[in-house]
C-alpha atoms as a PDB file:
ATOM      1  CA  MET A   1      22.252  -3.287  13.831  1.00  0.00           C
ATOM      2  CA  LYS A   2      22.181  -4.104  10.257  1.00  0.00           C
ATOM      3  CA  PRO A   3      19.951  -2.267   7.829  1.00  0.00           C
ATOM      4  CA  ASP A   4      18.146  -5.375   7.327  1.00  0.00           C
ATOM      5  CA  PHE A   5      16.837  -5.381  10.980  1.00  0.00           C
ATOM      6  CA  TRP A   6      15.505  -1.942  10.541  1.00  0.00           C
ATOM      7  CA  ILE A   7      13.767  -2.813   7.371  1.00  0.00           C
ATOM      8  CA  ASN A   8      12.264  -5.727   8.877  1.00  0.00           C
ATOM      9  CA  MET A   9      10.922  -3.603  11.789  1.00  0.00           C
ATOM     10  CA  ALA A  10       9.655  -0.865   9.282  1.00  0.00           C
ATOM     11  CA  PHE A  11       7.771  -3.611   7.246  1.00  0.00           C
ATOM     12  CA  PHE A  12       6.314  -5.052  10.695  1.00  0.00           C
ATOM     13  CA  GLN A  13       5.384  -1.732  12.046  1.00  0.00           C
ATOM     14  CA  LEU A  14       3.708  -0.638   8.805  1.00  0.00           C
ATOM     15  CA  ALA A  15       1.612  -3.872   8.722  1.00  0.00           C
ATOM     16  CA  TRP A  16      -0.918  -2.811  11.345  1.00  0.00           C
ATOM     17  CA  PRO A  17      -2.036   0.408  10.127  1.00  0.00           C
ATOM     18  CA  ALA A  18      -2.118  -0.924   6.471  1.00  0.00           C
ATOM     19  CA  CYS A  19      -4.000  -3.888   7.768  1.00  0.00           C
ATOM     20  CA  VAL A  20      -6.184  -2.383  10.154  1.00  0.00           C
ATOM     21  CA  VAL A  21      -6.973   1.112   8.549  1.00  0.00           C
ATOM     22  CA  GLY A  22      -7.692  -0.960   5.154  1.00  0.00           C
ATOM     23  CA  ALA A  23     -10.196  -3.011   6.806  1.00  0.00           C
ATOM     24  CA  ALA A  24     -11.744  -0.096   8.557  1.00  0.00           C
ATOM     25  CA  TYR A  25     -12.338   1.472   5.239  1.00  0.00           C
ATOM     26  CA  GLY A  26     -13.710  -2.142   3.886  1.00  0.00           C
ATOM     27  CA  MET A  27     -10.676  -2.725   1.958  1.00  0.00           C
ATOM     28  CA  ILE A  28      -8.031  -5.759   2.123  1.00  0.00           C
ATOM     29  CA  TRP A  29      -5.812  -4.866  -0.686  1.00  0.00           C
ATOM     30  CA  PRO A  30      -3.513  -2.353   1.683  1.00  0.00           C
ATOM     31  CA  SER A  31      -2.663  -5.551   3.934  1.00  0.00           C
ATOM     32  CA  VAL A  32      -2.080  -7.731   0.970  1.00  0.00           C
ATOM     33  CA  ALA A  33       0.052  -5.352  -0.966  1.00  0.00           C
ATOM     34  CA  LEU A  34       2.309  -4.420   2.395  1.00  0.00           C
ATOM     35  CA  VAL A  35       2.708  -7.750   3.662  1.00  0.00           C
ATOM     36  CA  GLY A  36       2.975  -9.319   0.277  1.00  0.00           C
ATOM     37  CA  LEU A  37       6.083  -6.887  -0.286  1.00  0.00           C
ATOM     38  CA  PHE A  38       7.295  -7.633   3.262  1.00  0.00           C
ATOM     39  CA  ALA A  39       7.086 -11.350   2.517  1.00  0.00           C
ATOM     40  CA  ALA A  40       8.881 -11.047  -1.006  1.00  0.00           C
ATOM     41  CA  TRP A  41      11.683  -9.178   0.860  1.00  0.00           C
ATOM     42  CA  GLN A  42      11.921 -11.296   4.028  1.00  0.00           C
ATOM     43  CA  LEU A  43      11.597 -14.686   2.218  1.00  0.00           C
ATOM     44  CA  HIS A  44      14.385 -13.808  -0.326  1.00  0.00           C
ATOM     45  CA  PRO A  45      17.150 -16.228   0.246  1.00  0.00           C
ATOM     46  CA  ARG A  46      19.555 -13.125   1.310  1.00  0.00           C
ATOM     47  CA  ASN A  47      17.218 -12.145   3.953  1.00  0.00           C
ATOM     48  CA  ALA A  48      15.482 -15.447   4.912  1.00  0.00           C
ATOM     49  CA  HIS A  49      15.913 -17.364   8.123  1.00  0.00           C
ATOM     50  CA  PRO A  50      15.869 -20.903   7.561  1.00  0.00           C
ATOM     51  CA  ASN A  51      12.711 -21.388   9.619  1.00  0.00           C
ATOM     52  CA  ASP A  52      10.777 -18.268   8.256  1.00  0.00           C
ATOM     53  CA  ARG A  53       8.439 -20.396   5.919  1.00  0.00           C
ATOM     54  CA  TRP A  54       7.673 -22.876   8.620  1.00  0.00           C
ATOM     55  CA  LEU A  55       6.682 -20.154  11.075  1.00  0.00           C
ATOM     56  CA  VAL A  56       4.361 -18.474   8.379  1.00  0.00           C
ATOM     57  CA  LEU A  57       2.438 -21.666   8.082  1.00  0.00           C
ATOM     58  CA  VAL A  58       2.251 -22.192  11.748  1.00  0.00           C
ATOM     59  CA  PHE A  59       1.187 -18.528  12.474  1.00  0.00           C
ATOM     60  CA  ILE A  60      -1.484 -18.510   9.774  1.00  0.00           C
ATOM     61  CA  ALA A  61      -3.092 -21.745  11.115  1.00  0.00           C
ATOM     62  CA  THR A  62      -2.830 -20.356  14.697  1.00  0.00           C
ATOM     63  CA  GLY A  63      -4.372 -17.187  13.560  1.00  0.00           C
ATOM     64  CA  LEU A  64      -7.131 -18.818  11.587  1.00  0.00           C
ATOM     65  CA  ILE A  65      -8.063 -20.912  14.771  1.00  0.00           C
ATOM     66  CA  LEU A  66      -7.680 -18.351  17.330  1.00  0.00           C
ATOM     67  CA  ASP A  67      -9.287 -15.291  15.714  1.00  0.00           C
ATOM     68  CA  SER A  68     -12.214 -17.716  14.169  1.00  0.00           C
ATOM     69  CA  VAL A  69     -12.862 -18.611  17.662  1.00  0.00           C
ATOM     70  CA  TRP A  70     -13.572 -15.003  18.589  1.00  0.00           C
ATOM     71  CA  ILE A  71     -15.951 -14.779  15.862  1.00  0.00           C
ATOM     72  CA  GLN A  72     -17.974 -18.227  16.568  1.00  0.00           C
ATOM     73  CA  ASN A  73     -18.213 -17.106  20.239  1.00  0.00           C
ATOM     74  CA  ASP A  74     -19.501 -13.812  19.560  1.00  0.00           C
ATOM     75  CA  VAL A  75     -16.814 -12.110  21.253  1.00  0.00           C
ATOM     76  CA  LEU A  76     -15.439  -9.977  18.256  1.00  0.00           C
ATOM     77  CA  GLN A  77     -16.675  -9.158  14.710  1.00  0.00           C
ATOM     78  CA  TYR A  78     -14.393  -7.952  11.792  1.00  0.00           C
ATOM     79  CA  ASN A  79     -15.070  -5.401   9.127  1.00  0.00           C
ATOM     80  CA  ALA A  80     -13.944  -6.303   5.636  1.00  0.00           C
ATOM     81  CA  ALA A  81     -14.516 -10.115   6.594  1.00  0.00           C
ATOM     82  CA  TRP A  82     -13.225 -11.690   3.324  1.00  0.00           C
ATOM     83  CA  PRO A  83     -13.713 -14.343   2.395  1.00  0.00           C
ATOM     84  CA  SER A  84     -16.404 -15.181   5.061  1.00  0.00           C
ATOM     85  CA  GLU A  85     -17.639 -13.461   8.131  1.00  0.00           C
ATOM     86  CA  ALA A  86     -17.581 -16.953  10.113  1.00  0.00           C
ATOM     87  CA  THR A  87     -13.742 -17.005   9.899  1.00  0.00           C
ATOM     88  CA  THR A  88     -10.613 -14.794  10.428  1.00  0.00           C
ATOM     89  CA  PRO A  89     -10.571 -12.269   7.748  1.00  0.00           C
ATOM     90  CA  LEU A  90      -7.786 -12.100   5.069  1.00  0.00           C
ATOM     91  CA  TRP A  91      -6.368  -8.786   6.320  1.00  0.00           C
ATOM     92  CA  LEU A  92      -6.016 -10.162  10.001  1.00  0.00           C
ATOM     93  CA  LEU A  93      -4.153 -13.173   8.624  1.00  0.00           C
ATOM     94  CA  MET A  94      -1.766 -10.779   6.778  1.00  0.00           C
ATOM     95  CA  LEU A  95      -1.142  -9.193  10.532  1.00  0.00           C
ATOM     96  CA  TRP A  96      -0.242 -12.992  11.564  1.00  0.00           C
ATOM     97  CA  VAL A  97       2.098 -13.394   8.370  1.00  0.00           C
ATOM     98  CA  ALA A  98       3.781 -10.113   9.523  1.00  0.00           C
ATOM     99  CA  LEU A  99       4.256 -11.400  12.909  1.00  0.00           C
ATOM    100  CA  ALA A 100       5.860 -14.688  12.046  1.00  0.00           C
ATOM    101  CA  LEU A 101       8.196 -12.767   9.636  1.00  0.00           C
ATOM    102  CA  SER A 102       9.496 -10.815  12.341  1.00  0.00           C
ATOM    103  CA  VAL A 103      10.105 -13.242  14.929  1.00  0.00           C
ATOM    104  CA  ASN A 104      13.473 -14.298  13.859  1.00  0.00           C
ATOM    105  CA  HIS A 105      14.453 -10.597  12.845  1.00  0.00           C
ATOM    106  CA  SER A 106      13.423  -7.525  14.524  1.00  0.00           C
ATOM    107  CA  MET A 107      11.449  -9.499  17.177  1.00  0.00           C
ATOM    108  CA  ARG A 108      14.297 -11.953  17.851  1.00  0.00           C
ATOM    109  CA  TYR A 109      14.671 -10.633  21.344  1.00  0.00           C
ATOM    110  CA  PHE A 110      11.148 -11.537  22.251  1.00  0.00           C
ATOM    111  CA  ARG A 111      11.717 -14.800  20.773  1.00  0.00           C
ATOM    112  CA  GLN A 112      14.551 -15.448  23.083  1.00  0.00           C
ATOM    113  CA  HIS A 113      12.612 -13.826  25.919  1.00  0.00           C
ATOM    114  CA  TRP A 114       9.166 -15.349  25.008  1.00  0.00           C
ATOM    115  CA  LEU A 115       7.798 -15.413  28.748  1.00  0.00           C
ATOM    116  CA  ARG A 116       8.495 -11.396  28.688  1.00  0.00           C
ATOM    117  CA  TRP A 117       6.649 -11.333  25.430  1.00  0.00           C
ATOM    118  CA  SER A 118       3.836 -13.147  26.732  1.00  0.00           C
ATOM    119  CA  ILE A 119       3.304 -10.929  29.967  1.00  0.00           C
ATOM    120  CA  LEU A 120       3.504  -7.866  27.446  1.00  0.00           C
ATOM    121  CA  LEU A 121       0.823  -9.219  25.174  1.00  0.00           C
ATOM    122  CA  CYS A 122      -1.453  -9.661  28.163  1.00  0.00           C
ATOM    123  CA  PHE A 123      -1.808  -5.936  28.076  1.00  0.00           C
ATOM    124  CA  ALA A 124      -0.848  -4.939  24.726  1.00  0.00           C
ATOM    125  CA  SER A 125      -3.127  -7.146  22.660  1.00  0.00           C
ATOM    126  CA  PRO A 126      -6.497  -5.799  24.027  1.00  0.00           C
ATOM    127  CA  PHE A 127      -5.288  -2.477  23.518  1.00  0.00           C
ATOM    128  CA  SER A 128      -4.420  -3.080  19.943  1.00  0.00           C
ATOM    129  CA  TYR A 129      -7.944  -4.751  19.517  1.00  0.00           C
ATOM    130  CA  TRP A 130      -9.274  -1.862  21.132  1.00  0.00           C
ATOM    131  CA  MET A 131      -7.494   0.735  18.930  1.00  0.00           C
ATOM    132  CA  ALA A 132      -8.827  -1.367  15.746  1.00  0.00           C
ATOM    133  CA  ALA A 133     -12.200  -1.089  17.315  1.00  0.00           C
ATOM    134  CA  ARG A 134     -12.080   2.787  17.671  1.00  0.00           C
ATOM    135  CA  LEU A 135     -10.858   2.672  13.923  1.00  0.00           C
ATOM    136  CA  GLY A 136     -13.625   0.623  12.809  1.00  0.00           C
ATOM    137  CA  ALA A 137     -11.882  -2.379  11.893  1.00  0.00           C
ATOM    138  CA  VAL A 138     -13.359  -4.765  14.493  1.00  0.00           C
ATOM    139  CA  GLU A 139     -16.378  -4.506  16.876  1.00  0.00           C
ATOM    140  CA  TRP A 140     -16.483  -6.026  20.385  1.00  0.00           C
ATOM    141  CA  LEU A 141     -19.754  -8.081  20.532  1.00  0.00           C
ATOM    142  CA  ALA A 142     -19.192  -9.173  24.298  1.00  0.00           C
ATOM    143  CA  PRO A 143     -18.920  -6.795  27.377  1.00  0.00           C
ATOM    144  CA  ASP A 144     -15.462  -4.981  27.346  1.00  0.00           C
ATOM    145  CA  TRP A 145     -14.629  -6.742  30.553  1.00  0.00           C
ATOM    146  CA  VAL A 146     -15.250 -10.261  28.936  1.00  0.00           C
ATOM    147  CA  VAL A 147     -13.327  -9.150  25.623  1.00  0.00           C
ATOM    148  CA  VAL A 148     -10.479  -7.815  27.805  1.00  0.00           C
ATOM    149  CA  LEU A 149     -10.084 -10.868  29.844  1.00  0.00           C
ATOM    150  CA  LEU A 150     -10.179 -13.355  26.872  1.00  0.00           C
ATOM    151  CA  LEU A 151      -7.924 -11.513  24.551  1.00  0.00           C
ATOM    152  CA  GLY A 152      -5.238 -10.773  26.910  1.00  0.00           C
ATOM    153  CA  PRO A 153      -4.440 -14.099  28.399  1.00  0.00           C
ATOM    154  CA  GLY A 154      -5.533 -15.715  25.079  1.00  0.00           C
ATOM    155  CA  TRP A 155      -2.769 -13.972  23.147  1.00  0.00           C
ATOM    156  CA  ALA A 156      -0.361 -14.299  26.019  1.00  0.00           C
ATOM    157  CA  ILE A 157      -0.567 -18.035  25.867  1.00  0.00           C
ATOM    158  CA  VAL A 158      -1.065 -18.662  22.327  1.00  0.00           C
ATOM    159  CA  VAL A 159       1.513 -16.010  20.865  1.00  0.00           C
ATOM    160  CA  GLY A 160       3.785 -16.861  23.643  1.00  0.00           C
ATOM    161  CA  ALA A 161       4.002 -20.486  22.835  1.00  0.00           C
ATOM    162  CA  LEU A 162       4.652 -19.518  19.209  1.00  0.00           C
ATOM    163  CA  PHE A 163       7.518 -17.522  20.154  1.00  0.00           C
ATOM    164  CA  ALA A 164       8.839 -20.647  22.424  1.00  0.00           C
ATOM    165  CA  LEU A 165       8.227 -22.648  19.342  1.00  0.00           C
ATOM    166  CA  ALA A 166      10.276 -20.453  17.111  1.00  0.00           C
ATOM    167  CA  LYS A 167      13.062 -20.100  19.813  1.00  0.00           C
ATOM    168  CA  ARG A 168      12.954 -24.004  19.611  1.00  0.00           C
ATOM    169  CA  MET A 169      12.932 -23.980  15.865  1.00  0.00           C
ATOM    170  CA  ALA A 170      16.028 -21.545  15.715  1.00  0.00           C
ATOM    171  CA  GLY A 171      18.039 -24.533  16.790  1.00  0.00           C
ATOM    172  CA  SER A 172      17.611 -25.922  13.265  1.00  0.00           C
ATOM    173  CA  ASN A 173      20.039 -27.620  11.150  1.00  0.00           C
ATOM    174  CA  GLU A 174      21.613 -26.601   7.977  1.00  0.00           C
ATOM    175  CA  ALA A 175      19.183 -27.892   5.482  1.00  0.00           C
ATOM    176  CA  GLY A 176      16.405 -25.356   7.243  1.00  0.00           C
ATOM    177  CA  ARG A 177      14.635 -27.978   8.995  1.00  0.00           C
ATOM    178  CA  PRO A 178      13.408 -27.481  12.583  1.00  0.00           C
ATOM    179  CA  ALA A 179      15.139 -28.946  15.534  1.00  0.00           C
ATOM    180  CA  PHE A 180      12.206 -31.227  16.356  1.00  0.00           C
ATOM    181  CA  TYR A 181      12.865 -32.913  12.833  1.00  0.00           C
ATOM    182  CA  GLN A 182      16.235 -33.625  13.398  1.00  0.00           C
ATOM    183  CA  LYS A 183      17.541 -37.126  14.423  1.00  0.00           C
ATOM    184  CA  ASP A 184      19.070 -37.993  17.742  1.00  0.00           C
END
């Protein structure tokens, strides 16, 4: 594997602690700084996949909707809830950006096998939120079983669909436009 793969993976693996631990201490700058460096490196023309920018926008929009739904329905409450306690905080959107920047790179296997990724997410996403809660970045407002039953399948469906979309977009033309924009 090329060094670019490992650099992408390192940034992606560092994103969760930078975002979650920073939020646990009421700080958003660690997430913005690390994911900003990640984006600057990954979106550089030498490193970028033609669809990376598209995916960042789609993942941000999805994260804004999905995590805001958890807030609006009193399932979760986030620490360092900037810019608003009613919507997905910036530090959490940075995690969505990091995920988007890894889809075509270190997470490429899961893009190709998005159904396997969905099944894994059924279990991994509640665990990730539980760890974030233990650190103090998020609080579970609903009973544990409700949160697990919402987060697991919710993430499995939504993020699995995003990875399936990324797989479809990987068939893009040379201009960098996703396949669904191509003329037949």
